[in-house]
Amino acid sequence: MPSTARTTPASKARPSAAAAAKPRRRTAQPESRAPQPDGHDLPRDERVRQLAYAFYEQRGGGDGQAMDDWLRAEQAIEADEVQAERSAVDGH
């Protein structure tokens, strides 16, 4: 009797976390939303993903450090957001 277990071809396997961090094509934004020059017009998770991929490329790629790249990107964006808020409050 043939086996009923299914095998998943490599082409259908889940991508690694580093592959998931690659930038995706940007979808059109509504006309009413004015773009900001510093990239804040993108959703936060998109900015994190793009920065994490930039860190991945900076270190020469390689698997196994996707979480480190992601956390580093989150921290950098959080610091940028805090600085922007302080500047707005200070009037700078």
C-alpha atoms as a PDB file:
ATOM      1  CA  MET A   1       0.000   0.000   0.000  1.00  0.00           C
ATOM      2  CA  PRO A   2       1.462   3.415  -0.958  1.00  0.00           C
ATOM      3  CA  SER A   3       2.411   5.884   1.752  1.00  0.00           C
ATOM      4  CA  THR A   4      -0.046   8.719   2.395  1.00  0.00           C
ATOM      5  CA  ALA A   5       2.614  11.059   3.795  1.00  0.00           C
ATOM      6  CA  ARG A   6       3.255  14.079   1.636  1.00  0.00           C
ATOM      7  CA  THR A   7       6.619  15.595   1.072  1.00  0.00           C
ATOM      8  CA  THR A   8       7.074  19.256   0.383  1.00  0.00           C
ATOM      9  CA  PRO A   9       9.298  20.133  -2.549  1.00  0.00           C
ATOM     10  CA  ALA A  10      12.136  22.521  -1.711  1.00  0.00           C
ATOM     11  CA  SER A  11      10.566  25.178  -3.928  1.00  0.00           C
ATOM     12  CA  LYS A  12       7.484  25.279  -1.672  1.00  0.00           C
ATOM     13  CA  ALA A  13       9.334  25.340   1.634  1.00  0.00           C
ATOM     14  CA  ARG A  14       9.032  28.401   3.848  1.00  0.00           C
ATOM     15  CA  PRO A  15      11.630  31.089   3.141  1.00  0.00           C
ATOM     16  CA  SER A  16      14.268  31.751   5.757  1.00  0.00           C
ATOM     17  CA  ALA A  17      13.917  34.793   8.003  1.00  0.00           C
ATOM     18  CA  ALA A  18      16.669  36.529   6.006  1.00  0.00           C
ATOM     19  CA  ALA A  19      14.754  35.958   2.791  1.00  0.00           C
ATOM     20  CA  ALA A  20      11.616  37.327   4.443  1.00  0.00           C
ATOM     21  CA  ALA A  21      13.543  40.499   5.286  1.00  0.00           C
ATOM     22  CA  LYS A  22      14.112  41.322   1.610  1.00  0.00           C
ATOM     23  CA  PRO A  23      12.370  44.471   0.414  1.00  0.00           C
ATOM     24  CA  ARG A  24       9.131  43.950  -1.435  1.00  0.00           C
ATOM     25  CA  ARG A  25       7.673  45.992  -4.237  1.00  0.00           C
ATOM     26  CA  ARG A  26       5.971  49.012  -2.779  1.00  0.00           C
ATOM     27  CA  THR A  27       2.266  49.324  -3.420  1.00  0.00           C
ATOM     28  CA  ALA A  28       0.668  52.607  -4.441  1.00  0.00           C
ATOM     29  CA  GLN A  29      -0.260  54.906  -1.578  1.00  0.00           C
ATOM     30  CA  PRO A  30      -3.469  56.950  -1.491  1.00  0.00           C
ATOM     31  CA  GLU A  31      -3.109  60.393  -3.050  1.00  0.00           C
ATOM     32  CA  SER A  32      -4.221  62.149   0.150  1.00  0.00           C
ATOM     33  CA  ARG A  33      -1.162  60.933   2.026  1.00  0.00           C
ATOM     34  CA  ALA A  34       1.826  63.230   1.549  1.00  0.00           C
ATOM     35  CA  PRO A  35       5.149  61.359   1.372  1.00  0.00           C
ATOM     36  CA  GLN A  36       7.804  62.301   3.894  1.00  0.00           C
ATOM     37  CA  PRO A  37      11.421  62.578   2.756  1.00  0.00           C
ATOM     38  CA  ASP A  38      12.802  60.349   5.540  1.00  0.00           C
ATOM     39  CA  GLY A  39      10.816  57.244   4.611  1.00  0.00           C
ATOM     40  CA  HIS A  40       8.190  57.646   7.323  1.00  0.00           C
ATOM     41  CA  ASP A  41       5.490  57.363   4.653  1.00  0.00           C
ATOM     42  CA  LEU A  42       6.036  53.586   4.752  1.00  0.00           C
ATOM     43  CA  PRO A  43       4.473  51.438   7.476  1.00  0.00           C
ATOM     44  CA  ARG A  44       6.853  50.849  10.380  1.00  0.00           C
ATOM     45  CA  ASP A  45       7.169  47.102   9.724  1.00  0.00           C
ATOM     46  CA  GLU A  46       8.120  47.822   6.107  1.00  0.00           C
ATOM     47  CA  ARG A  47      10.843  50.234   7.228  1.00  0.00           C
ATOM     48  CA  VAL A  48      12.118  47.643   9.717  1.00  0.00           C
ATOM     49  CA  ARG A  49      12.164  44.957   7.025  1.00  0.00           C
ATOM     50  CA  GLN A  50      14.063  47.147   4.571  1.00  0.00           C
ATOM     51  CA  LEU A  51      16.606  48.222   7.182  1.00  0.00           C
ATOM     52  CA  ALA A  52      17.067  44.639   8.403  1.00  0.00           C
ATOM     53  CA  TYR A  53      17.788  43.587   4.832  1.00  0.00           C
ATOM     54  CA  ALA A  54      20.286  46.446   4.492  1.00  0.00           C
ATOM     55  CA  PHE A  55      22.058  45.165   7.623  1.00  0.00           C
ATOM     56  CA  TYR A  56      21.997  41.643   6.136  1.00  0.00           C
ATOM     57  CA  GLU A  57      23.673  42.930   2.979  1.00  0.00           C
ATOM     58  CA  GLN A  58      26.187  45.042   4.965  1.00  0.00           C
ATOM     59  CA  ARG A  59      27.486  41.988   6.777  1.00  0.00           C
ATOM     60  CA  GLY A  60      27.788  40.051   3.535  1.00  0.00           C
ATOM     61  CA  GLY A  61      24.658  37.931   3.838  1.00  0.00           C
ATOM     62  CA  GLY A  62      24.625  34.462   5.240  1.00  0.00           C
ATOM     63  CA  ASP A  63      21.939  32.719   7.209  1.00  0.00           C
ATOM     64  CA  GLY A  64      21.570  32.509  10.952  1.00  0.00           C
ATOM     65  CA  GLN A  65      21.492  36.178  11.967  1.00  0.00           C
ATOM     66  CA  ALA A  66      18.129  37.341  10.642  1.00  0.00           C
ATOM     67  CA  MET A  67      16.726  37.926  14.134  1.00  0.00           C
ATOM     68  CA  ASP A  68      19.766  40.014  15.073  1.00  0.00           C
ATOM     69  CA  ASP A  69      19.342  42.100  11.905  1.00  0.00           C
ATOM     70  CA  TRP A  70      15.619  42.548  12.616  1.00  0.00           C
ATOM     71  CA  LEU A  71      16.139  43.597  16.249  1.00  0.00           C
ATOM     72  CA  ARG A  72      18.939  45.971  15.275  1.00  0.00           C
ATOM     73  CA  ALA A  73      16.646  47.561  12.670  1.00  0.00           C
ATOM     74  CA  GLU A  74      13.810  47.897  15.196  1.00  0.00           C
ATOM     75  CA  GLN A  75      16.142  49.603  17.665  1.00  0.00           C
ATOM     76  CA  ALA A  76      17.471  51.996  15.018  1.00  0.00           C
ATOM     77  CA  ILE A  77      13.977  52.965  13.876  1.00  0.00           C
ATOM     78  CA  GLU A  78      12.767  53.355  17.466  1.00  0.00           C
ATOM     79  CA  ALA A  79      15.698  55.686  18.189  1.00  0.00           C
ATOM     80  CA  ASP A  80      14.892  57.654  15.035  1.00  0.00           C
ATOM     81  CA  GLU A  81      11.228  57.962  16.053  1.00  0.00           C
ATOM     82  CA  VAL A  82      12.132  59.119  19.575  1.00  0.00           C
ATOM     83  CA  GLN A  83      14.524  61.706  18.147  1.00  0.00           C
ATOM     84  CA  ALA A  84      11.852  62.946  15.726  1.00  0.00           C
ATOM     85  CA  GLU A  85       9.342  63.280  18.573  1.00  0.00           C
ATOM     86  CA  ARG A  86      11.851  65.212  20.701  1.00  0.00           C
ATOM     87  CA  SER A  87      12.630  67.510  17.798  1.00  0.00           C
ATOM     88  CA  ALA A  88       8.924  68.144  17.225  1.00  0.00           C
ATOM     89  CA  VAL A  89       8.374  68.966  20.907  1.00  0.00           C
ATOM     90  CA  ASP A  90      11.434  71.218  21.026  1.00  0.00           C
ATOM     91  CA  GLY A  91      10.378  72.967  17.837  1.00  0.00           C
ATOM     92  CA  HIS A  92      13.491  72.017  15.874  1.00  0.00           C
END
